[in-house]
Amino acid sequence: MKAAIYTRYGAPQSVSVKDVATPAPAPDQILIRVRASTVTTADWRLRASAFPGLLWLPGRLMTGLVAPKNPILGLEVAGEIVATGRDVTRFHIGQRVFGFTGGGAHAEYLALSQDAAVLPIPTGMSDAEAAALPWGAVAALVFLRDVARVKPGQDVLIVGASGGVGVYAVQIAKAMGATVTGVCSAANVDLVRDLGADTVLDYRKTDIRAARNAYDLVFDTVGATRYPKMIGALRKNGLFLPLNFGGRELWHLVLSRLIRGPRIKLFVNGDSAEDLRAVLAMVANGQLRPVVDRHFALDDIVSAHAYVEARHRKGAVIVDMARAGDARAIA
């Protein structure tokens, strides 16, 4: 089978498409013919070993100190089950499924445990739409529902509102009854407004730090702001919630306890089928929709990585296995 392989950390060009052995499912595994995957921010950070500050060494110990332990990236998958291990009872051959992989989805086939965070694809949902949901939508849901505990009537500022997590955060916060202000570039204002934001700010024209006591929550999905700079924009019991953090944010956590003002919380969400089901329920209720930016063929995986690393994407960047050999990107 074909797979996108990286054997060293570095630029997008460190990834190349090669022929590797097709995996055989273990007794408790399903074998998925991958129809669609994505390149996420996490993928390019893993590929480039771009772990922030004090997290660099723990990150390298986790992924491989000298070279990557797992040479095939791809954290989201959508496809069809083509084989099952003898102990598999939850799925069957021919079933369309999607979910989290933990890596390995940038390949034509992927073996996963039947207990992984994988669910059947709803009728009427395309492979690309299904692959676009897990990483961004689950992160947005968990951060807003479980960490921030957003309540109806609260004022929520979402920084990076057109990004891979932001497009879902806007929709979910709105579904939870919040008044939503999205921050993005001018080119993406219409998209963020269409997703339900009450107000959309162009970060190049508006200094969001200048607001005073305006928000109950600032959810920074892209690392564009810092807690000390946003204290004035938050209400006394407000919360600054960064999606990504490093050593600087650990100090900010200490600072927040000293000043007894707006709080900061640091959190890393996991991958669970239960949260994925909650996302699907919101899709079924019309509260949430997948957002796809561009499609790339597996053969053009380098361009997909470069596009995501430029940090201007609008939703999910799809790796489309059905377009093997077609290296053109479709906007």
C-alpha atoms as a PDB file:
ATOM      1  CA  MET A   1       0.000   0.000   0.000  1.00  0.00           C
ATOM      2  CA  LYS A   2       0.966   3.651  -0.317  1.00  0.00           C
ATOM      3  CA  ALA A   3       1.659   5.671   2.823  1.00  0.00           C
ATOM      4  CA  ALA A   4       3.105   9.075   3.687  1.00  0.00           C
ATOM      5  CA  ILE A   5       6.256   8.401   5.700  1.00  0.00           C
ATOM      6  CA  TYR A   6       8.530  10.655   7.741  1.00  0.00           C
ATOM      7  CA  THR A   7      11.707   9.233   9.253  1.00  0.00           C
ATOM      8  CA  ARG A   8      13.181  12.530  10.466  1.00  0.00           C
ATOM      9  CA  TYR A   9      11.790  15.691  11.976  1.00  0.00           C
ATOM     10  CA  GLY A  10      11.745  18.737   9.754  1.00  0.00           C
ATOM     11  CA  ALA A  11      10.010  20.734   7.031  1.00  0.00           C
ATOM     12  CA  PRO A  12       7.060  19.451   4.972  1.00  0.00           C
ATOM     13  CA  GLN A  13       9.563  17.943   2.521  1.00  0.00           C
ATOM     14  CA  SER A  14      10.590  15.438   5.209  1.00  0.00           C
ATOM     15  CA  VAL A  15       7.373  13.559   4.362  1.00  0.00           C
ATOM     16  CA  SER A  16       7.337  11.332   1.278  1.00  0.00           C
ATOM     17  CA  VAL A  17       4.958   8.758  -0.183  1.00  0.00           C
ATOM     18  CA  LYS A  18       6.315   5.212  -0.283  1.00  0.00           C
ATOM     19  CA  ASP A  19       5.130   1.631  -0.674  1.00  0.00           C
ATOM     20  CA  VAL A  20       4.887  -0.218   2.639  1.00  0.00           C
ATOM     21  CA  ALA A  21       3.351  -3.478   3.769  1.00  0.00           C
ATOM     22  CA  THR A  22      -0.415  -3.504   4.228  1.00  0.00           C
ATOM     23  CA  PRO A  23      -1.211  -4.231   7.890  1.00  0.00           C
ATOM     24  CA  ALA A  24      -3.056  -7.391   8.872  1.00  0.00           C
ATOM     25  CA  PRO A  25      -5.666  -6.955  11.618  1.00  0.00           C
ATOM     26  CA  ALA A  26      -4.955  -8.527  14.992  1.00  0.00           C
ATOM     27  CA  PRO A  27      -7.757 -10.602  16.574  1.00  0.00           C
ATOM     28  CA  ASP A  28      -9.363  -7.513  18.153  1.00  0.00           C
ATOM     29  CA  GLN A  29      -8.746  -5.121  15.236  1.00  0.00           C
ATOM     30  CA  ILE A  30     -10.575  -3.862  12.186  1.00  0.00           C
ATOM     31  CA  LEU A  31      -8.798  -3.108   8.896  1.00  0.00           C
ATOM     32  CA  ILE A  32     -10.001   0.118   7.295  1.00  0.00           C
ATOM     33  CA  ARG A  33      -9.538   1.067   3.667  1.00  0.00           C
ATOM     34  CA  VAL A  34      -8.889   4.759   4.211  1.00  0.00           C
ATOM     35  CA  ARG A  35     -11.037   7.003   2.024  1.00  0.00           C
ATOM     36  CA  ALA A  36     -10.192  10.315   3.692  1.00  0.00           C
ATOM     37  CA  SER A  37      -7.929  11.647   6.410  1.00  0.00           C
ATOM     38  CA  THR A  38      -6.749  15.123   7.391  1.00  0.00           C
ATOM     39  CA  VAL A  39      -3.594  17.089   8.060  1.00  0.00           C
ATOM     40  CA  THR A  40      -4.090  18.873  11.373  1.00  0.00           C
ATOM     41  CA  THR A  41      -2.039  21.312  13.406  1.00  0.00           C
ATOM     42  CA  ALA A  42      -1.036  18.341  15.557  1.00  0.00           C
ATOM     43  CA  ASP A  43       0.295  16.532  12.473  1.00  0.00           C
ATOM     44  CA  TRP A  44       2.606  19.349  11.458  1.00  0.00           C
ATOM     45  CA  ARG A  45       3.778  19.863  15.041  1.00  0.00           C
ATOM     46  CA  LEU A  46       4.641  16.176  15.314  1.00  0.00           C
ATOM     47  CA  ARG A  47       6.354  16.206  11.927  1.00  0.00           C
ATOM     48  CA  ALA A  48       8.384  19.325  12.726  1.00  0.00           C
ATOM     49  CA  SER A  49       8.886  18.468  16.422  1.00  0.00           C
ATOM     50  CA  ALA A  50       7.387  21.902  17.092  1.00  0.00           C
ATOM     51  CA  PHE A  51       6.605  21.431  20.759  1.00  0.00           C
ATOM     52  CA  PRO A  52       6.402  24.726  22.687  1.00  0.00           C
ATOM     53  CA  GLY A  53       9.031  25.734  25.230  1.00  0.00           C
ATOM     54  CA  LEU A  54       9.429  23.383  28.170  1.00  0.00           C
ATOM     55  CA  LEU A  55       7.298  20.770  26.429  1.00  0.00           C
ATOM     56  CA  TRP A  56       9.918  20.104  23.739  1.00  0.00           C
ATOM     57  CA  LEU A  57      11.803  17.398  25.656  1.00  0.00           C
ATOM     58  CA  PRO A  58       8.678  15.581  26.939  1.00  0.00           C
ATOM     59  CA  GLY A  59       7.313  15.777  23.406  1.00  0.00           C
ATOM     60  CA  ARG A  60      10.432  14.230  21.895  1.00  0.00           C
ATOM     61  CA  LEU A  61      10.528  11.516  24.549  1.00  0.00           C
ATOM     62  CA  MET A  62       6.941  10.667  23.629  1.00  0.00           C
ATOM     63  CA  THR A  63       7.333  10.737  19.827  1.00  0.00           C
ATOM     64  CA  GLY A  64      10.967   9.614  19.509  1.00  0.00           C
ATOM     65  CA  LEU A  65      14.049  11.373  20.848  1.00  0.00           C
ATOM     66  CA  VAL A  66      16.222  10.966  17.745  1.00  0.00           C
ATOM     67  CA  ALA A  67      13.742   9.914  15.065  1.00  0.00           C
ATOM     68  CA  PRO A  68       9.964   9.424  14.930  1.00  0.00           C
ATOM     69  CA  LYS A  69       8.720   6.227  16.543  1.00  0.00           C
ATOM     70  CA  ASN A  70       5.596   6.162  14.399  1.00  0.00           C
ATOM     71  CA  PRO A  71       6.527   7.199  10.843  1.00  0.00           C
ATOM     72  CA  ILE A  72       2.958   7.507   9.504  1.00  0.00           C
ATOM     73  CA  LEU A  73       0.959  10.535  10.636  1.00  0.00           C
ATOM     74  CA  GLY A  74      -2.788  11.100  10.344  1.00  0.00           C
ATOM     75  CA  LEU A  75      -4.979  11.435  13.435  1.00  0.00           C
ATOM     76  CA  GLU A  76      -8.419  11.326  11.793  1.00  0.00           C
ATOM     77  CA  VAL A  77      -9.844   8.695   9.473  1.00  0.00           C
ATOM     78  CA  ALA A  78     -12.916   7.910   7.429  1.00  0.00           C
ATOM     79  CA  GLY A  79     -13.220   4.770   5.361  1.00  0.00           C
ATOM     80  CA  GLU A  80     -14.629   1.295   4.922  1.00  0.00           C
ATOM     81  CA  ILE A  81     -13.921  -1.862   6.920  1.00  0.00           C
ATOM     82  CA  VAL A  82     -12.445  -4.516   4.624  1.00  0.00           C
ATOM     83  CA  ALA A  83     -11.384  -7.131   7.189  1.00  0.00           C
ATOM     84  CA  THR A  84     -11.906  -7.927  10.865  1.00  0.00           C
ATOM     85  CA  GLY A  85     -10.040  -9.956  13.453  1.00  0.00           C
ATOM     86  CA  ARG A  86     -11.669 -13.103  14.804  1.00  0.00           C
ATOM     87  CA  ASP A  87     -12.623 -11.444  18.122  1.00  0.00           C
ATOM     88  CA  VAL A  88     -14.290  -8.349  16.600  1.00  0.00           C
ATOM     89  CA  THR A  89     -17.981  -8.049  17.495  1.00  0.00           C
ATOM     90  CA  ARG A  90     -18.688  -4.321  17.267  1.00  0.00           C
ATOM     91  CA  PHE A  91     -18.129  -3.842  13.527  1.00  0.00           C
ATOM     92  CA  HIS A  92     -18.542  -5.751  10.284  1.00  0.00           C
ATOM     93  CA  ILE A  93     -16.960  -5.845   6.842  1.00  0.00           C
ATOM     94  CA  GLY A  94     -18.383  -3.234   4.494  1.00  0.00           C
ATOM     95  CA  GLN A  95     -19.266  -0.788   7.276  1.00  0.00           C
ATOM     96  CA  ARG A  96     -18.281   2.873   6.786  1.00  0.00           C
ATOM     97  CA  VAL A  97     -16.570   4.232   9.900  1.00  0.00           C
ATOM     98  CA  PHE A  98     -14.738   7.332  11.094  1.00  0.00           C
ATOM     99  CA  GLY A  99     -12.923   8.582  14.149  1.00  0.00           C
ATOM    100  CA  PHE A 100      -9.592   9.007  15.906  1.00  0.00           C
ATOM    101  CA  THR A 101      -6.555   6.927  15.040  1.00  0.00           C
ATOM    102  CA  GLY A 102      -3.671   8.063  17.248  1.00  0.00           C
ATOM    103  CA  GLY A 103      -1.678   8.185  13.991  1.00  0.00           C
ATOM    104  CA  GLY A 104      -1.341   6.124  10.849  1.00  0.00           C
ATOM    105  CA  ALA A 105      -4.226   7.412   8.715  1.00  0.00           C
ATOM    106  CA  HIS A 106      -2.019   8.880   5.968  1.00  0.00           C
ATOM    107  CA  ALA A 107      -2.027   5.476   4.326  1.00  0.00           C
ATOM    108  CA  GLU A 108      -4.318   3.428   2.125  1.00  0.00           C
ATOM    109  CA  TYR A 109      -5.080   0.950   4.920  1.00  0.00           C
ATOM    110  CA  LEU A 110      -5.146   1.241   8.696  1.00  0.00           C
ATOM    111  CA  ALA A 111      -5.628  -1.377  11.428  1.00  0.00           C
ATOM    112  CA  LEU A 112      -7.361  -0.183  14.606  1.00  0.00           C
ATOM    113  CA  SER A 113      -8.677  -1.775  17.763  1.00  0.00           C
ATOM    114  CA  GLN A 114     -12.437  -2.260  17.769  1.00  0.00           C
ATOM    115  CA  ASP A 115     -12.361  -0.320  21.067  1.00  0.00           C
ATOM    116  CA  ALA A 116     -10.808   2.776  19.470  1.00  0.00           C
ATOM    117  CA  ALA A 117     -12.806   6.017  19.304  1.00  0.00           C
ATOM    118  CA  VAL A 118     -14.409   5.000  16.004  1.00  0.00           C
ATOM    119  CA  LEU A 119     -18.092   5.100  15.028  1.00  0.00           C
ATOM    120  CA  PRO A 120     -20.215   4.305  11.983  1.00  0.00           C
ATOM    121  CA  ILE A 121     -20.533   7.189   9.514  1.00  0.00           C
ATOM    122  CA  PRO A 122     -24.115   8.512   9.457  1.00  0.00           C
ATOM    123  CA  THR A 123     -26.107   8.014   6.281  1.00  0.00           C
ATOM    124  CA  GLY A 124     -25.719  10.977   3.971  1.00  0.00           C
ATOM    125  CA  MET A 125     -22.379  12.137   5.376  1.00  0.00           C
ATOM    126  CA  SER A 126     -19.424  12.035   2.967  1.00  0.00           C
ATOM    127  CA  ASP A 127     -16.052  10.559   3.863  1.00  0.00           C
ATOM    128  CA  ALA A 128     -14.467  14.021   3.777  1.00  0.00           C
ATOM    129  CA  GLU A 129     -17.120  15.467   6.091  1.00  0.00           C
ATOM    130  CA  ALA A 130     -16.690  12.580   8.514  1.00  0.00           C
ATOM    131  CA  ALA A 131     -12.899  12.902   8.550  1.00  0.00           C
ATOM    132  CA  ALA A 132     -13.231  16.643   9.191  1.00  0.00           C
ATOM    133  CA  LEU A 133     -15.037  16.206  12.508  1.00  0.00           C
ATOM    134  CA  PRO A 134     -13.128  14.273  15.204  1.00  0.00           C
ATOM    135  CA  TRP A 135     -10.053  16.337  16.046  1.00  0.00           C
ATOM    136  CA  GLY A 136     -11.504  19.849  15.831  1.00  0.00           C
ATOM    137  CA  ALA A 137     -15.100  19.262  16.878  1.00  0.00           C
ATOM    138  CA  VAL A 138     -14.311  17.076  19.889  1.00  0.00           C
ATOM    139  CA  ALA A 139     -11.647  19.492  21.127  1.00  0.00           C
ATOM    140  CA  ALA A 140     -14.063  22.420  20.838  1.00  0.00           C
ATOM    141  CA  LEU A 141     -16.832  20.481  22.582  1.00  0.00           C
ATOM    142  CA  VAL A 142     -14.725  19.312  25.498  1.00  0.00           C
ATOM    143  CA  PHE A 143     -13.063  22.673  26.095  1.00  0.00           C
ATOM    144  CA  LEU A 144     -16.352  24.590  26.002  1.00  0.00           C
ATOM    145  CA  ARG A 145     -18.616  22.058  27.715  1.00  0.00           C
ATOM    146  CA  ASP A 146     -16.335  20.474  30.312  1.00  0.00           C
ATOM    147  CA  VAL A 147     -13.558  23.001  30.967  1.00  0.00           C
ATOM    148  CA  ALA A 148     -15.209  26.400  30.447  1.00  0.00           C
ATOM    149  CA  ARG A 149     -18.723  25.134  31.247  1.00  0.00           C
ATOM    150  CA  VAL A 150     -20.284  27.735  29.001  1.00  0.00           C
ATOM    151  CA  LYS A 151     -23.746  28.885  30.077  1.00  0.00           C
ATOM    152  CA  PRO A 152     -26.537  30.548  28.116  1.00  0.00           C
ATOM    153  CA  GLY A 153     -26.131  34.321  27.926  1.00  0.00           C
ATOM    154  CA  GLN A 154     -22.378  34.349  28.455  1.00  0.00           C
ATOM    155  CA  ASP A 155     -20.148  36.427  26.194  1.00  0.00           C
ATOM    156  CA  VAL A 156     -17.541  34.240  24.517  1.00  0.00           C
ATOM    157  CA  LEU A 157     -14.580  35.427  22.435  1.00  0.00           C
ATOM    158  CA  ILE A 158     -13.099  32.800  20.127  1.00  0.00           C
ATOM    159  CA  VAL A 159      -9.646  33.616  18.772  1.00  0.00           C
ATOM    160  CA  GLY A 160      -8.807  31.766  15.573  1.00  0.00           C
ATOM    161  CA  ALA A 161     -12.488  31.359  14.766  1.00  0.00           C
ATOM    162  CA  SER A 162     -11.865  30.137  11.208  1.00  0.00           C
ATOM    163  CA  GLY A 163      -9.262  27.498  12.126  1.00  0.00           C
ATOM    164  CA  GLY A 164      -9.505  23.753  12.564  1.00  0.00           C
ATOM    165  CA  VAL A 165     -10.922  24.013  16.098  1.00  0.00           C
ATOM    166  CA  GLY A 166     -12.338  27.535  15.866  1.00  0.00           C
ATOM    167  CA  VAL A 167     -14.943  26.717  13.202  1.00  0.00           C
ATOM    168  CA  TYR A 168     -16.455  24.187  15.586  1.00  0.00           C
ATOM    169  CA  ALA A 169     -16.028  26.332  18.693  1.00  0.00           C
ATOM    170  CA  VAL A 170     -18.137  29.084  17.110  1.00  0.00           C
ATOM    171  CA  GLN A 171     -20.960  26.661  16.330  1.00  0.00           C
ATOM    172  CA  ILE A 172     -20.844  24.830  19.661  1.00  0.00           C
ATOM    173  CA  ALA A 173     -20.677  27.983  21.787  1.00  0.00           C
ATOM    174  CA  LYS A 174     -23.656  29.344  19.882  1.00  0.00           C
ATOM    175  CA  ALA A 175     -25.569  26.084  20.383  1.00  0.00           C
ATOM    176  CA  MET A 176     -24.854  26.375  24.116  1.00  0.00           C
ATOM    177  CA  GLY A 177     -26.596  29.742  24.189  1.00  0.00           C
ATOM    178  CA  ALA A 178     -23.586  32.046  24.310  1.00  0.00           C
ATOM    179  CA  THR A 179     -23.186  35.365  22.542  1.00  0.00           C
ATOM    180  CA  VAL A 180     -20.212  34.655  20.302  1.00  0.00           C
ATOM    181  CA  THR A 181     -17.537  36.993  19.010  1.00  0.00           C
ATOM    182  CA  GLY A 182     -15.164  35.436  16.507  1.00  0.00           C
ATOM    183  CA  VAL A 183     -11.686  36.710  15.668  1.00  0.00           C
ATOM    184  CA  CYS A 184     -10.204  35.907  12.263  1.00  0.00           C
ATOM    185  CA  SER A 185      -8.742  37.536   9.141  1.00  0.00           C
ATOM    186  CA  ALA A 186     -10.846  39.690   6.844  1.00  0.00           C
ATOM    187  CA  ALA A 187     -10.920  36.916   4.235  1.00  0.00           C
ATOM    188  CA  ASN A 188     -12.755  34.621   6.641  1.00  0.00           C
ATOM    189  CA  VAL A 189     -15.275  37.040   8.161  1.00  0.00           C
ATOM    190  CA  ASP A 190     -18.172  35.781   6.044  1.00  0.00           C
ATOM    191  CA  LEU A 191     -17.442  32.154   6.940  1.00  0.00           C
ATOM    192  CA  VAL A 192     -17.352  32.829  10.683  1.00  0.00           C
ATOM    193  CA  ARG A 193     -20.520  34.880  10.508  1.00  0.00           C
ATOM    194  CA  ASP A 194     -22.214  32.092   8.549  1.00  0.00           C
ATOM    195  CA  LEU A 195     -21.217  29.633  11.276  1.00  0.00           C
ATOM    196  CA  GLY A 196     -23.257  31.655  13.760  1.00  0.00           C
ATOM    197  CA  ALA A 197     -20.963  34.261  15.330  1.00  0.00           C
ATOM    198  CA  ASP A 198     -22.883  37.339  16.522  1.00  0.00           C
ATOM    199  CA  THR A 199     -19.874  39.587  15.943  1.00  0.00           C
ATOM    200  CA  VAL A 200     -16.784  38.974  13.826  1.00  0.00           C
ATOM    201  CA  LEU A 201     -13.557  40.950  14.313  1.00  0.00           C
ATOM    202  CA  ASP A 202     -10.694  41.263  11.845  1.00  0.00           C
ATOM    203  CA  TYR A 203      -7.591  40.804  13.981  1.00  0.00           C
ATOM    204  CA  ARG A 204      -5.616  43.103  11.688  1.00  0.00           C
ATOM    205  CA  LYS A 205      -8.013  46.010  12.294  1.00  0.00           C
ATOM    206  CA  THR A 206      -9.191  45.444  15.863  1.00  0.00           C
ATOM    207  CA  ASP A 207      -7.054  45.203  18.985  1.00  0.00           C
ATOM    208  CA  ILE A 208      -9.032  42.687  21.005  1.00  0.00           C
ATOM    209  CA  ARG A 209      -6.865  43.436  24.034  1.00  0.00           C
ATOM    210  CA  ALA A 210      -8.409  46.912  24.225  1.00  0.00           C
ATOM    211  CA  ALA A 211     -11.832  45.600  25.260  1.00  0.00           C
ATOM    212  CA  ARG A 212     -12.750  46.138  28.915  1.00  0.00           C
ATOM    213  CA  ASN A 213     -14.737  43.668  31.031  1.00  0.00           C
ATOM    214  CA  ALA A 214     -16.383  42.402  27.850  1.00  0.00           C
ATOM    215  CA  TYR A 215     -16.096  38.622  27.995  1.00  0.00           C
ATOM    216  CA  ASP A 216     -16.837  35.739  30.309  1.00  0.00           C
ATOM    217  CA  LEU A 217     -14.555  33.487  28.253  1.00  0.00           C
ATOM    218  CA  VAL A 218     -11.644  33.984  25.877  1.00  0.00           C
ATOM    219  CA  PHE A 219     -10.987  30.705  24.064  1.00  0.00           C
ATOM    220  CA  ASP A 220      -7.732  31.018  22.112  1.00  0.00           C
ATOM    221  CA  THR A 221      -7.592  28.156  19.630  1.00  0.00           C
ATOM    222  CA  VAL A 222      -4.395  29.267  17.860  1.00  0.00           C
ATOM    223  CA  GLY A 223      -2.053  30.735  20.487  1.00  0.00           C
ATOM    224  CA  ALA A 224      -2.398  34.321  19.256  1.00  0.00           C
ATOM    225  CA  THR A 225      -2.981  35.927  22.666  1.00  0.00           C
ATOM    226  CA  ARG A 226      -1.557  35.748  26.178  1.00  0.00           C
ATOM    227  CA  TYR A 227      -3.293  35.704  29.533  1.00  0.00           C
ATOM    228  CA  PRO A 228      -1.675  38.902  30.945  1.00  0.00           C
ATOM    229  CA  LYS A 229      -2.707  40.854  27.841  1.00  0.00           C
ATOM    230  CA  MET A 230      -6.311  39.638  28.004  1.00  0.00           C
ATOM    231  CA  ILE A 231      -7.011  40.195  31.708  1.00  0.00           C
ATOM    232  CA  GLY A 232      -8.626  43.570  31.044  1.00  0.00           C
ATOM    233  CA  ALA A 233     -10.937  42.138  28.394  1.00  0.00           C
ATOM    234  CA  LEU A 234     -12.254  39.515  30.809  1.00  0.00           C
ATOM    235  CA  ARG A 235     -14.809  40.043  33.523  1.00  0.00           C
ATOM    236  CA  LYS A 236     -13.761  39.515  37.139  1.00  0.00           C
ATOM    237  CA  ASN A 237     -14.762  35.856  37.170  1.00  0.00           C
ATOM    238  CA  GLY A 238     -13.882  35.338  33.511  1.00  0.00           C
ATOM    239  CA  LEU A 239     -11.721  32.589  32.085  1.00  0.00           C
ATOM    240  CA  PHE A 240      -8.810  32.597  29.649  1.00  0.00           C
ATOM    241  CA  LEU A 241      -8.632  29.211  27.970  1.00  0.00           C
ATOM    242  CA  PRO A 242      -5.720  28.434  25.615  1.00  0.00           C
ATOM    243  CA  LEU A 243      -5.969  25.355  23.419  1.00  0.00           C
ATOM    244  CA  ASN A 244      -2.171  25.021  23.347  1.00  0.00           C
ATOM    245  CA  PHE A 245       0.235  25.898  26.129  1.00  0.00           C
ATOM    246  CA  GLY A 246       3.860  25.793  27.205  1.00  0.00           C
ATOM    247  CA  GLY A 247       6.017  26.895  30.106  1.00  0.00           C
ATOM    248  CA  ARG A 248       4.869  30.511  29.832  1.00  0.00           C
ATOM    249  CA  GLU A 249       1.251  29.481  30.434  1.00  0.00           C
ATOM    250  CA  LEU A 250       2.288  27.446  33.471  1.00  0.00           C
ATOM    251  CA  TRP A 251       3.661  30.685  34.951  1.00  0.00           C
ATOM    252  CA  HIS A 252       0.460  32.489  33.970  1.00  0.00           C
ATOM    253  CA  LEU A 253      -1.477  29.869  35.936  1.00  0.00           C
ATOM    254  CA  VAL A 254       0.514  30.818  39.039  1.00  0.00           C
ATOM    255  CA  LEU A 255       0.023  34.526  38.281  1.00  0.00           C
ATOM    256  CA  SER A 256      -3.756  34.103  38.047  1.00  0.00           C
ATOM    257  CA  ARG A 257      -3.860  32.737  41.571  1.00  0.00           C
ATOM    258  CA  LEU A 258      -1.821  35.632  42.903  1.00  0.00           C
ATOM    259  CA  ILE A 259      -3.918  38.436  41.426  1.00  0.00           C
ATOM    260  CA  ARG A 260      -7.290  36.838  42.289  1.00  0.00           C
ATOM    261  CA  GLY A 261      -8.752  38.079  39.032  1.00  0.00           C
ATOM    262  CA  PRO A 262      -9.790  36.340  35.829  1.00  0.00           C
ATOM    263  CA  ARG A 263      -8.691  32.731  35.747  1.00  0.00           C
ATOM    264  CA  ILE A 264      -6.691  30.653  33.305  1.00  0.00           C
ATOM    265  CA  LYS A 265      -7.117  26.913  32.847  1.00  0.00           C
ATOM    266  CA  LEU A 266      -4.779  24.507  31.085  1.00  0.00           C
ATOM    267  CA  PHE A 267      -6.155  21.283  29.689  1.00  0.00           C
ATOM    268  CA  VAL A 268      -5.458  18.541  27.162  1.00  0.00           C
ATOM    269  CA  ASN A 269      -8.464  16.649  25.844  1.00  0.00           C
ATOM    270  CA  GLY A 270      -8.505  12.980  24.985  1.00  0.00           C
ATOM    271  CA  ASP A 271     -10.178  10.985  22.238  1.00  0.00           C
ATOM    272  CA  SER A 272     -13.406   9.245  23.208  1.00  0.00           C
ATOM    273  CA  ALA A 273     -16.245   7.610  21.334  1.00  0.00           C
ATOM    274  CA  GLU A 274     -18.685   9.162  23.807  1.00  0.00           C
ATOM    275  CA  ASP A 275     -17.607  12.681  22.865  1.00  0.00           C
ATOM    276  CA  LEU A 276     -17.697  11.737  19.187  1.00  0.00           C
ATOM    277  CA  ARG A 277     -21.309  10.576  19.664  1.00  0.00           C
ATOM    278  CA  ALA A 278     -22.135  13.933  21.245  1.00  0.00           C
ATOM    279  CA  VAL A 279     -20.698  15.664  18.178  1.00  0.00           C
ATOM    280  CA  LEU A 280     -22.804  13.480  15.867  1.00  0.00           C
ATOM    281  CA  ALA A 281     -25.904  14.319  17.925  1.00  0.00           C
ATOM    282  CA  MET A 282     -25.253  18.021  17.348  1.00  0.00           C
ATOM    283  CA  VAL A 283     -24.824  17.374  13.627  1.00  0.00           C
ATOM    284  CA  ALA A 284     -28.105  15.463  13.550  1.00  0.00           C
ATOM    285  CA  ASN A 285     -29.848  18.317  15.388  1.00  0.00           C
ATOM    286  CA  GLY A 286     -28.596  20.891  12.903  1.00  0.00           C
ATOM    287  CA  GLN A 287     -26.421  22.617  15.508  1.00  0.00           C
ATOM    288  CA  LEU A 288     -23.101  21.667  13.930  1.00  0.00           C
ATOM    289  CA  ARG A 289     -21.771  21.041  10.457  1.00  0.00           C
ATOM    290  CA  PRO A 290     -18.397  19.808   9.216  1.00  0.00           C
ATOM    291  CA  VAL A 291     -16.215  22.501   7.648  1.00  0.00           C
ATOM    292  CA  VAL A 292     -13.838  21.452   4.874  1.00  0.00           C
ATOM    293  CA  ASP A 293     -11.283  23.851   3.423  1.00  0.00           C
ATOM    294  CA  ARG A 294      -9.286  21.974   0.779  1.00  0.00           C
ATOM    295  CA  HIS A 295      -8.651  18.496  -0.582  1.00  0.00           C
ATOM    296  CA  PHE A 296      -5.197  17.127  -1.377  1.00  0.00           C
ATOM    297  CA  ALA A 297      -4.224  13.804  -2.898  1.00  0.00           C
ATOM    298  CA  LEU A 298      -1.928  11.574  -0.862  1.00  0.00           C
ATOM    299  CA  ASP A 299       0.738  12.160  -3.526  1.00  0.00           C
ATOM    300  CA  ASP A 300       0.610  15.873  -2.664  1.00  0.00           C
ATOM    301  CA  ILE A 301       0.934  15.414   1.098  1.00  0.00           C
ATOM    302  CA  VAL A 302       3.893  17.829   1.226  1.00  0.00           C
ATOM    303  CA  SER A 303       1.684  20.661  -0.054  1.00  0.00           C
ATOM    304  CA  ALA A 304      -0.996  19.754   2.478  1.00  0.00           C
ATOM    305  CA  HIS A 305       1.527  20.015   5.326  1.00  0.00           C
ATOM    306  CA  ALA A 306       2.848  23.341   4.010  1.00  0.00           C
ATOM    307  CA  TYR A 307      -0.679  24.732   3.726  1.00  0.00           C
ATOM    308  CA  VAL A 308      -1.594  23.753   7.298  1.00  0.00           C
ATOM    309  CA  GLU A 309       1.699  25.026   8.710  1.00  0.00           C
ATOM    310  CA  ALA A 310       1.041  28.445   7.127  1.00  0.00           C
ATOM    311  CA  ARG A 311      -1.877  28.660   9.623  1.00  0.00           C
ATOM    312  CA  HIS A 312      -4.436  30.185   7.280  1.00  0.00           C
ATOM    313  CA  ARG A 313      -6.725  27.206   6.819  1.00  0.00           C
ATOM    314  CA  LYS A 314     -10.498  27.438   7.116  1.00  0.00           C
ATOM    315  CA  GLY A 315     -11.620  24.238   8.764  1.00  0.00           C
ATOM    316  CA  ALA A 316     -10.272  20.816   7.827  1.00  0.00           C
ATOM    317  CA  VAL A 317      -7.632  20.016   5.208  1.00  0.00           C
ATOM    318  CA  ILE A 318      -8.544  16.670   3.687  1.00  0.00           C
ATOM    319  CA  VAL A 319      -6.185  13.994   2.393  1.00  0.00           C
ATOM    320  CA  ASP A 320      -8.365  12.310  -0.213  1.00  0.00           C
ATOM    321  CA  MET A 321      -7.294   8.735  -0.937  1.00  0.00           C
ATOM    322  CA  ALA A 322      -9.762   8.387  -3.795  1.00  0.00           C
ATOM    323  CA  ARG A 323      -7.734  10.895  -5.786  1.00  0.00           C
ATOM    324  CA  ALA A 324      -4.510   8.869  -5.840  1.00  0.00           C
ATOM    325  CA  GLY A 325      -2.147  10.168  -8.483  1.00  0.00           C
ATOM    326  CA  ASP A 326      -3.916  13.534  -8.754  1.00  0.00           C
ATOM    327  CA  ALA A 327      -1.566  16.044  -7.159  1.00  0.00           C
ATOM    328  CA  ARG A 328      -3.758  19.097  -7.612  1.00  0.00           C
ATOM    329  CA  ALA A 329      -5.427  20.768  -4.646  1.00  0.00           C
ATOM    330  CA  ILE A 330      -9.076  21.746  -4.957  1.00  0.00           C
ATOM    331  CA  ALA A 331     -10.115  24.827  -2.991  1.00  0.00           C
END
